[in-house]
Amino acid sequence: MKVLIACEFSGTVRDWFTSLGHDATSCDIEPTEKPGKHYQGDVLDILDDGWDLMIAHPPCTYLTVTGNKWFYHPDDGHLPTSERRPHPRFPNRQQDRKDAVEFFMKLANAPIPRIAIENPIGVMSTIWRKPDQVIHPWQFGHEASKSTCLWLKNLPLLTPTKIVDKGEFITYKSGKRMSKWYAEAASKDPKERERIRNRTFDGIASAFAHQWGGLL
């Protein structure tokens, strides 16, 4: 099977498919973290290259609901959204989200027979459609929680492989609760924090390859 892993720099999903005998290529604007077949560049340039399956991880910065607080001026909360000013630190946030949605949909509409798109809970559930499935690392052998949405095209739901504890949580004074592994990443510099949070958990990557790799 010819498999494209879109927006992946870690090589985790790619390597699982490769280990099972598939012709798997990862793609990202960043170089791959470890040796393997990798296209460094715009994934839109290679969507027509005859793939049998694509698993895509489009950037979520402007798609997650947690980023909504950065859209409007903090002093305008009492106003209707149509009358609020842009956030002074992020004046282009609205356009950034439009661009992110457009990119997401180009992946969703790619001429590839089987597609899975992965993203956190965000605006695509209302802008496009609800995900087919929401999974967590703790369903695949990792003691960690992270709501991960899957939008599927011609693919079965992913079956949990090993249910374990949901992992530790940190509760802040505000009452906000966050997985410890996710919160600890906040101590890293912005680039490294993003990379830690964006890597696919190995157990989930293995499930992708074992459960979807044998469909042809």
C-alpha atoms as a PDB file:
ATOM      1  CA  MET A   1       0.000   0.000   0.000  1.00  0.00           C
ATOM      2  CA  LYS A   2       1.246   3.476  -0.868  1.00  0.00           C
ATOM      3  CA  VAL A   3       0.691   5.600   2.232  1.00  0.00           C
ATOM      4  CA  LEU A   4       1.078   9.343   2.782  1.00  0.00           C
ATOM      5  CA  ILE A   5       1.463  10.651   6.326  1.00  0.00           C
ATOM      6  CA  ALA A   6       0.723  14.341   5.888  1.00  0.00           C
ATOM      7  CA  CYS A   7       2.064  16.977   8.278  1.00  0.00           C
ATOM      8  CA  GLU A   8       4.302  14.575  10.183  1.00  0.00           C
ATOM      9  CA  PHE A   9       7.879  15.439  11.158  1.00  0.00           C
ATOM     10  CA  SER A  10       8.409  12.701  13.769  1.00  0.00           C
ATOM     11  CA  GLY A  11       8.198   9.736  11.407  1.00  0.00           C
ATOM     12  CA  THR A  12       6.272   7.753  14.027  1.00  0.00           C
ATOM     13  CA  VAL A  13       3.267   6.796  11.890  1.00  0.00           C
ATOM     14  CA  ARG A  14       5.394   6.480   8.748  1.00  0.00           C
ATOM     15  CA  ASP A  15       7.763   4.040  10.418  1.00  0.00           C
ATOM     16  CA  TRP A  16       4.966   1.790  11.660  1.00  0.00           C
ATOM     17  CA  PHE A  17       3.564   1.446   8.148  1.00  0.00           C
ATOM     18  CA  THR A  18       7.051   0.904   6.743  1.00  0.00           C
ATOM     19  CA  SER A  19       7.738  -1.836   9.308  1.00  0.00           C
ATOM     20  CA  LEU A  20       4.694  -3.714   8.011  1.00  0.00           C
ATOM     21  CA  GLY A  21       5.924  -3.599   4.424  1.00  0.00           C
ATOM     22  CA  HIS A  22       4.076  -0.554   3.100  1.00  0.00           C
ATOM     23  CA  ASP A  23       5.525   2.183   0.906  1.00  0.00           C
ATOM     24  CA  ALA A  24       5.036   4.996   3.415  1.00  0.00           C
ATOM     25  CA  THR A  25       6.129   8.617   3.050  1.00  0.00           C
ATOM     26  CA  SER A  26       5.859  11.353   5.653  1.00  0.00           C
ATOM     27  CA  CYS A  27       5.543  14.982   4.598  1.00  0.00           C
ATOM     28  CA  ASP A  28       6.065  18.237   6.439  1.00  0.00           C
ATOM     29  CA  ILE A  29       7.591  21.659   5.909  1.00  0.00           C
ATOM     30  CA  GLU A  30      10.083  20.595   8.608  1.00  0.00           C
ATOM     31  CA  PRO A  31      12.716  17.883   8.067  1.00  0.00           C
ATOM     32  CA  THR A  32      12.032  14.438   9.500  1.00  0.00           C
ATOM     33  CA  GLU A  33      13.358  13.785  13.010  1.00  0.00           C
ATOM     34  CA  LYS A  34      14.713  10.366  12.063  1.00  0.00           C
ATOM     35  CA  PRO A  35      15.780   8.609   8.850  1.00  0.00           C
ATOM     36  CA  GLY A  36      12.987   7.490   6.564  1.00  0.00           C
ATOM     37  CA  LYS A  37      11.138   8.365   3.393  1.00  0.00           C
ATOM     38  CA  HIS A  38      10.162  12.020   3.788  1.00  0.00           C
ATOM     39  CA  TYR A  39       9.036  14.834   1.497  1.00  0.00           C
ATOM     40  CA  GLN A  40       9.980  18.205   2.950  1.00  0.00           C
ATOM     41  CA  GLY A  41       7.629  20.749   1.446  1.00  0.00           C
ATOM     42  CA  ASP A  42       3.975  21.543   0.825  1.00  0.00           C
ATOM     43  CA  VAL A  43       1.841  18.412   1.004  1.00  0.00           C
ATOM     44  CA  LEU A  44      -0.618  19.963  -1.470  1.00  0.00           C
ATOM     45  CA  ASP A  45       2.035  19.491  -4.154  1.00  0.00           C
ATOM     46  CA  ILE A  46       1.946  15.693  -3.850  1.00  0.00           C
ATOM     47  CA  LEU A  47      -1.722  14.873  -3.154  1.00  0.00           C
ATOM     48  CA  ASP A  48      -2.165  13.619  -6.731  1.00  0.00           C
ATOM     49  CA  ASP A  49       0.721  11.137  -6.589  1.00  0.00           C
ATOM     50  CA  GLY A  50      -1.386   7.975  -6.487  1.00  0.00           C
ATOM     51  CA  TRP A  51      -1.707   7.320  -2.766  1.00  0.00           C
ATOM     52  CA  ASP A  52      -3.890   4.475  -1.463  1.00  0.00           C
ATOM     53  CA  LEU A  53      -4.218   5.950   2.031  1.00  0.00           C
ATOM     54  CA  MET A  54      -3.506   9.285   3.674  1.00  0.00           C
ATOM     55  CA  ILE A  55      -3.328   9.958   7.394  1.00  0.00           C
ATOM     56  CA  ALA A  56      -3.135  13.715   7.923  1.00  0.00           C
ATOM     57  CA  HIS A  57      -2.289  15.816  10.962  1.00  0.00           C
ATOM     58  CA  PRO A  58      -3.012  19.399   9.819  1.00  0.00           C
ATOM     59  CA  PRO A  59      -1.775  22.196  12.115  1.00  0.00           C
ATOM     60  CA  CYS A  60      -4.319  22.822  14.853  1.00  0.00           C
ATOM     61  CA  THR A  61      -3.159  26.199  16.219  1.00  0.00           C
ATOM     62  CA  TYR A  62      -5.979  28.154  14.598  1.00  0.00           C
ATOM     63  CA  LEU A  63      -8.580  25.361  14.649  1.00  0.00           C
ATOM     64  CA  THR A  64      -8.776  24.438  18.333  1.00  0.00           C
ATOM     65  CA  VAL A  65     -11.469  25.907  20.548  1.00  0.00           C
ATOM     66  CA  THR A  66      -8.838  26.677  23.195  1.00  0.00           C
ATOM     67  CA  GLY A  67      -7.475  29.386  20.904  1.00  0.00           C
ATOM     68  CA  ASN A  68     -10.749  31.294  20.710  1.00  0.00           C
ATOM     69  CA  LYS A  69      -9.702  33.691  23.481  1.00  0.00           C
ATOM     70  CA  TRP A  70      -7.090  35.163  21.143  1.00  0.00           C
ATOM     71  CA  PHE A  71      -9.562  36.237  18.464  1.00  0.00           C
ATOM     72  CA  TYR A  72     -11.013  39.348  20.067  1.00  0.00           C
ATOM     73  CA  HIS A  73      -9.852  42.297  22.117  1.00  0.00           C
ATOM     74  CA  PRO A  74      -9.985  41.374  25.834  1.00  0.00           C
ATOM     75  CA  ASP A  75     -11.913  44.566  26.622  1.00  0.00           C
ATOM     76  CA  ASP A  76     -14.724  43.752  24.185  1.00  0.00           C
ATOM     77  CA  GLY A  77     -16.228  40.704  25.861  1.00  0.00           C
ATOM     78  CA  HIS A  78     -19.497  42.550  26.512  1.00  0.00           C
ATOM     79  CA  LEU A  79     -20.023  43.254  22.806  1.00  0.00           C
ATOM     80  CA  PRO A  80     -21.524  41.033  20.103  1.00  0.00           C
ATOM     81  CA  THR A  81     -18.739  39.224  18.224  1.00  0.00           C
ATOM     82  CA  SER A  82     -19.511  41.235  15.086  1.00  0.00           C
ATOM     83  CA  GLU A  83     -18.595  44.439  16.937  1.00  0.00           C
ATOM     84  CA  ARG A  84     -15.455  43.252  18.717  1.00  0.00           C
ATOM     85  CA  ARG A  85     -12.007  44.438  17.723  1.00  0.00           C
ATOM     86  CA  PRO A  86      -9.243  41.976  16.837  1.00  0.00           C
ATOM     87  CA  HIS A  87      -6.935  40.923  19.656  1.00  0.00           C
ATOM     88  CA  PRO A  88      -4.069  43.458  19.807  1.00  0.00           C
ATOM     89  CA  ARG A  89      -1.445  40.699  19.973  1.00  0.00           C
ATOM     90  CA  PHE A  90      -2.946  38.639  17.143  1.00  0.00           C
ATOM     91  CA  PRO A  91      -4.674  41.021  14.719  1.00  0.00           C
ATOM     92  CA  ASN A  92      -4.692  38.467  11.865  1.00  0.00           C
ATOM     93  CA  ARG A  93      -6.212  35.598  13.827  1.00  0.00           C
ATOM     94  CA  GLN A  94      -9.451  35.510  11.832  1.00  0.00           C
ATOM     95  CA  GLN A  95      -7.619  35.187   8.523  1.00  0.00           C
ATOM     96  CA  ASP A  96      -5.270  32.612  10.010  1.00  0.00           C
ATOM     97  CA  ARG A  97      -8.264  30.467  10.938  1.00  0.00           C
ATOM     98  CA  LYS A  98      -9.780  30.829   7.459  1.00  0.00           C
ATOM     99  CA  ASP A  99      -6.493  29.692   5.940  1.00  0.00           C
ATOM    100  CA  ALA A 100      -6.290  26.746   8.343  1.00  0.00           C
ATOM    101  CA  VAL A 101      -9.842  25.658   7.509  1.00  0.00           C
ATOM    102  CA  GLU A 102      -9.101  25.903   3.789  1.00  0.00           C
ATOM    103  CA  PHE A 103      -6.001  23.737   4.180  1.00  0.00           C
ATOM    104  CA  PHE A 104      -7.908  21.172   6.261  1.00  0.00           C
ATOM    105  CA  MET A 105     -10.607  20.896   3.610  1.00  0.00           C
ATOM    106  CA  LYS A 106      -8.078  20.499   0.795  1.00  0.00           C
ATOM    107  CA  LEU A 107      -6.788  17.456   2.636  1.00  0.00           C
ATOM    108  CA  ALA A 108     -10.310  16.169   3.253  1.00  0.00           C
ATOM    109  CA  ASN A 109     -11.173  16.513  -0.445  1.00  0.00           C
ATOM    110  CA  ALA A 110      -7.928  15.019  -1.741  1.00  0.00           C
ATOM    111  CA  PRO A 111      -8.270  12.422  -4.537  1.00  0.00           C
ATOM    112  CA  ILE A 112      -7.207   9.577  -2.260  1.00  0.00           C
ATOM    113  CA  PRO A 113      -9.550   6.595  -1.683  1.00  0.00           C
ATOM    114  CA  ARG A 114      -8.955   6.257   2.068  1.00  0.00           C
ATOM    115  CA  ILE A 115      -8.323   9.229   4.345  1.00  0.00           C
ATOM    116  CA  ALA A 116      -8.016   9.832   8.080  1.00  0.00           C
ATOM    117  CA  ILE A 117      -7.603  13.368   9.406  1.00  0.00           C
ATOM    118  CA  GLU A 118      -6.541  13.825  13.018  1.00  0.00           C
ATOM    119  CA  ASN A 119      -7.009  16.998  15.070  1.00  0.00           C
ATOM    120  CA  PRO A 120      -7.935  18.067  18.612  1.00  0.00           C
ATOM    121  CA  ILE A 121     -11.471  19.157  19.417  1.00  0.00           C
ATOM    122  CA  GLY A 122     -12.038  22.340  17.456  1.00  0.00           C
ATOM    123  CA  VAL A 123     -14.069  24.338  15.005  1.00  0.00           C
ATOM    124  CA  MET A 124     -14.125  21.754  12.196  1.00  0.00           C
ATOM    125  CA  SER A 125     -16.864  19.912  14.079  1.00  0.00           C
ATOM    126  CA  THR A 126     -19.188  22.836  13.345  1.00  0.00           C
ATOM    127  CA  ILE A 127     -17.664  24.308  10.191  1.00  0.00           C
ATOM    128  CA  TRP A 128     -17.587  20.942   8.414  1.00  0.00           C
ATOM    129  CA  ARG A 129     -18.961  17.958  10.335  1.00  0.00           C
ATOM    130  CA  LYS A 130     -18.528  16.101  13.579  1.00  0.00           C
ATOM    131  CA  PRO A 131     -15.638  13.624  13.700  1.00  0.00           C
ATOM    132  CA  ASP A 132     -16.355   9.948  13.193  1.00  0.00           C
ATOM    133  CA  GLN A 133     -14.481   9.094  16.363  1.00  0.00           C
ATOM    134  CA  VAL A 134     -12.705  10.638  19.355  1.00  0.00           C
ATOM    135  CA  ILE A 135      -9.822   8.619  20.773  1.00  0.00           C
ATOM    136  CA  HIS A 136      -7.355   8.976  23.679  1.00  0.00           C
ATOM    137  CA  PRO A 137      -3.805   7.684  24.235  1.00  0.00           C
ATOM    138  CA  TRP A 138      -5.007   5.706  27.281  1.00  0.00           C
ATOM    139  CA  GLN A 139      -7.010   3.494  24.913  1.00  0.00           C
ATOM    140  CA  PHE A 140      -3.766   2.459  23.208  1.00  0.00           C
ATOM    141  CA  GLY A 141      -1.399   1.702  26.070  1.00  0.00           C
ATOM    142  CA  HIS A 142      -0.300   5.187  27.173  1.00  0.00           C
ATOM    143  CA  GLU A 143      -1.247   6.580  30.586  1.00  0.00           C
ATOM    144  CA  ALA A 144      -2.191   9.958  29.163  1.00  0.00           C
ATOM    145  CA  SER A 145      -5.303  11.833  28.084  1.00  0.00           C
ATOM    146  CA  LYS A 146      -5.673  13.830  24.895  1.00  0.00           C
ATOM    147  CA  SER A 147      -8.950  14.130  23.024  1.00  0.00           C
ATOM    148  CA  THR A 148      -8.083  13.308  19.426  1.00  0.00           C
ATOM    149  CA  CYS A 149     -10.742  13.583  16.733  1.00  0.00           C
ATOM    150  CA  LEU A 150     -10.665  11.385  13.638  1.00  0.00           C
ATOM    151  CA  TRP A 151     -12.508  12.257  10.438  1.00  0.00           C
ATOM    152  CA  LEU A 152     -12.578   9.132   8.279  1.00  0.00           C
ATOM    153  CA  LYS A 153     -13.173   8.401   4.599  1.00  0.00           C
ATOM    154  CA  ASN A 154     -13.659   4.728   3.676  1.00  0.00           C
ATOM    155  CA  LEU A 155     -11.955   3.580   6.873  1.00  0.00           C
ATOM    156  CA  PRO A 156     -13.373   1.651   9.848  1.00  0.00           C
ATOM    157  CA  LEU A 157     -13.334   3.098  13.334  1.00  0.00           C
ATOM    158  CA  LEU A 158     -10.090   2.517  15.184  1.00  0.00           C
ATOM    159  CA  THR A 159     -10.394  -0.229  17.805  1.00  0.00           C
ATOM    160  CA  PRO A 160      -8.715   0.413  21.185  1.00  0.00           C
ATOM    161  CA  THR A 161      -5.802  -1.970  21.719  1.00  0.00           C
ATOM    162  CA  LYS A 162      -4.896  -1.619  25.407  1.00  0.00           C
ATOM    163  CA  ILE A 163      -6.961   0.265  27.970  1.00  0.00           C
ATOM    164  CA  VAL A 164      -4.824   1.694  30.785  1.00  0.00           C
ATOM    165  CA  ASP A 165      -5.136   4.419  33.413  1.00  0.00           C
ATOM    166  CA  LYS A 166      -5.930   7.896  32.088  1.00  0.00           C
ATOM    167  CA  GLY A 167      -2.761   9.328  33.608  1.00  0.00           C
ATOM    168  CA  GLU A 168      -2.103  12.173  36.024  1.00  0.00           C
ATOM    169  CA  PHE A 169      -3.808  15.546  35.852  1.00  0.00           C
ATOM    170  CA  ILE A 170      -2.889  18.986  37.140  1.00  0.00           C
ATOM    171  CA  THR A 171      -5.629  21.245  38.504  1.00  0.00           C
ATOM    172  CA  TYR A 172      -4.944  24.980  38.425  1.00  0.00           C
ATOM    173  CA  LYS A 173      -6.279  27.599  40.849  1.00  0.00           C
ATOM    174  CA  SER A 174      -8.770  28.662  38.195  1.00  0.00           C
ATOM    175  CA  GLY A 175     -10.236  25.170  38.307  1.00  0.00           C
ATOM    176  CA  LYS A 176      -8.881  24.276  34.891  1.00  0.00           C
ATOM    177  CA  ARG A 177      -7.731  20.648  34.680  1.00  0.00           C
ATOM    178  CA  MET A 178      -5.037  19.475  32.292  1.00  0.00           C
ATOM    179  CA  SER A 179      -3.145  16.246  31.625  1.00  0.00           C
ATOM    180  CA  LYS A 180       0.215  16.363  33.391  1.00  0.00           C
ATOM    181  CA  TRP A 181       2.233  15.437  30.284  1.00  0.00           C
ATOM    182  CA  TYR A 182       0.558  18.235  28.324  1.00  0.00           C
ATOM    183  CA  ALA A 183       1.003  20.801  31.094  1.00  0.00           C
ATOM    184  CA  GLU A 184       4.680  19.940  31.590  1.00  0.00           C
ATOM    185  CA  ALA A 185       5.365  20.744  27.949  1.00  0.00           C
ATOM    186  CA  ALA A 186       4.555  24.380  28.774  1.00  0.00           C
ATOM    187  CA  SER A 187       7.969  24.695  30.435  1.00  0.00           C
ATOM    188  CA  LYS A 188       9.707  24.150  27.092  1.00  0.00           C
ATOM    189  CA  ASP A 189      10.458  26.818  24.518  1.00  0.00           C
ATOM    190  CA  PRO A 190       7.525  27.412  22.112  1.00  0.00           C
ATOM    191  CA  LYS A 191       9.000  25.341  19.271  1.00  0.00           C
ATOM    192  CA  GLU A 192       9.803  22.313  21.412  1.00  0.00           C
ATOM    193  CA  ARG A 193       6.471  22.588  23.241  1.00  0.00           C
ATOM    194  CA  GLU A 194       4.646  22.436  19.923  1.00  0.00           C
ATOM    195  CA  ARG A 195       6.652  19.416  18.781  1.00  0.00           C
ATOM    196  CA  ILE A 196       6.021  17.496  22.009  1.00  0.00           C
ATOM    197  CA  ARG A 197       2.294  18.105  21.881  1.00  0.00           C
ATOM    198  CA  ASN A 198       2.022  17.311  18.169  1.00  0.00           C
ATOM    199  CA  ARG A 199       3.792  13.945  18.135  1.00  0.00           C
ATOM    200  CA  THR A 200       1.522  10.949  17.595  1.00  0.00           C
ATOM    201  CA  PHE A 201       1.604   8.495  20.483  1.00  0.00           C
ATOM    202  CA  ASP A 202       3.321   5.275  19.459  1.00  0.00           C
ATOM    203  CA  GLY A 203       0.395   3.055  20.432  1.00  0.00           C
ATOM    204  CA  ILE A 204      -1.979   5.067  18.250  1.00  0.00           C
ATOM    205  CA  ALA A 205       0.482   5.015  15.340  1.00  0.00           C
ATOM    206  CA  SER A 206       0.759   1.236  15.681  1.00  0.00           C
ATOM    207  CA  ALA A 207      -3.032   0.897  15.621  1.00  0.00           C
ATOM    208  CA  PHE A 208      -3.228   3.016  12.460  1.00  0.00           C
ATOM    209  CA  ALA A 209      -0.774   0.727  10.696  1.00  0.00           C
ATOM    210  CA  HIS A 210      -2.058  -2.619  11.942  1.00  0.00           C
ATOM    211  CA  GLN A 211      -5.770  -1.884  11.564  1.00  0.00           C
ATOM    212  CA  TRP A 212      -5.801   0.197   8.380  1.00  0.00           C
ATOM    213  CA  GLY A 213      -2.711  -1.168   6.658  1.00  0.00           C
ATOM    214  CA  GLY A 214      -4.344  -4.444   5.678  1.00  0.00           C
ATOM    215  CA  LEU A 215      -7.385  -3.037   3.896  1.00  0.00           C
ATOM    216  CA  LEU A 216      -6.043  -3.530   0.350  1.00  0.00           C
END
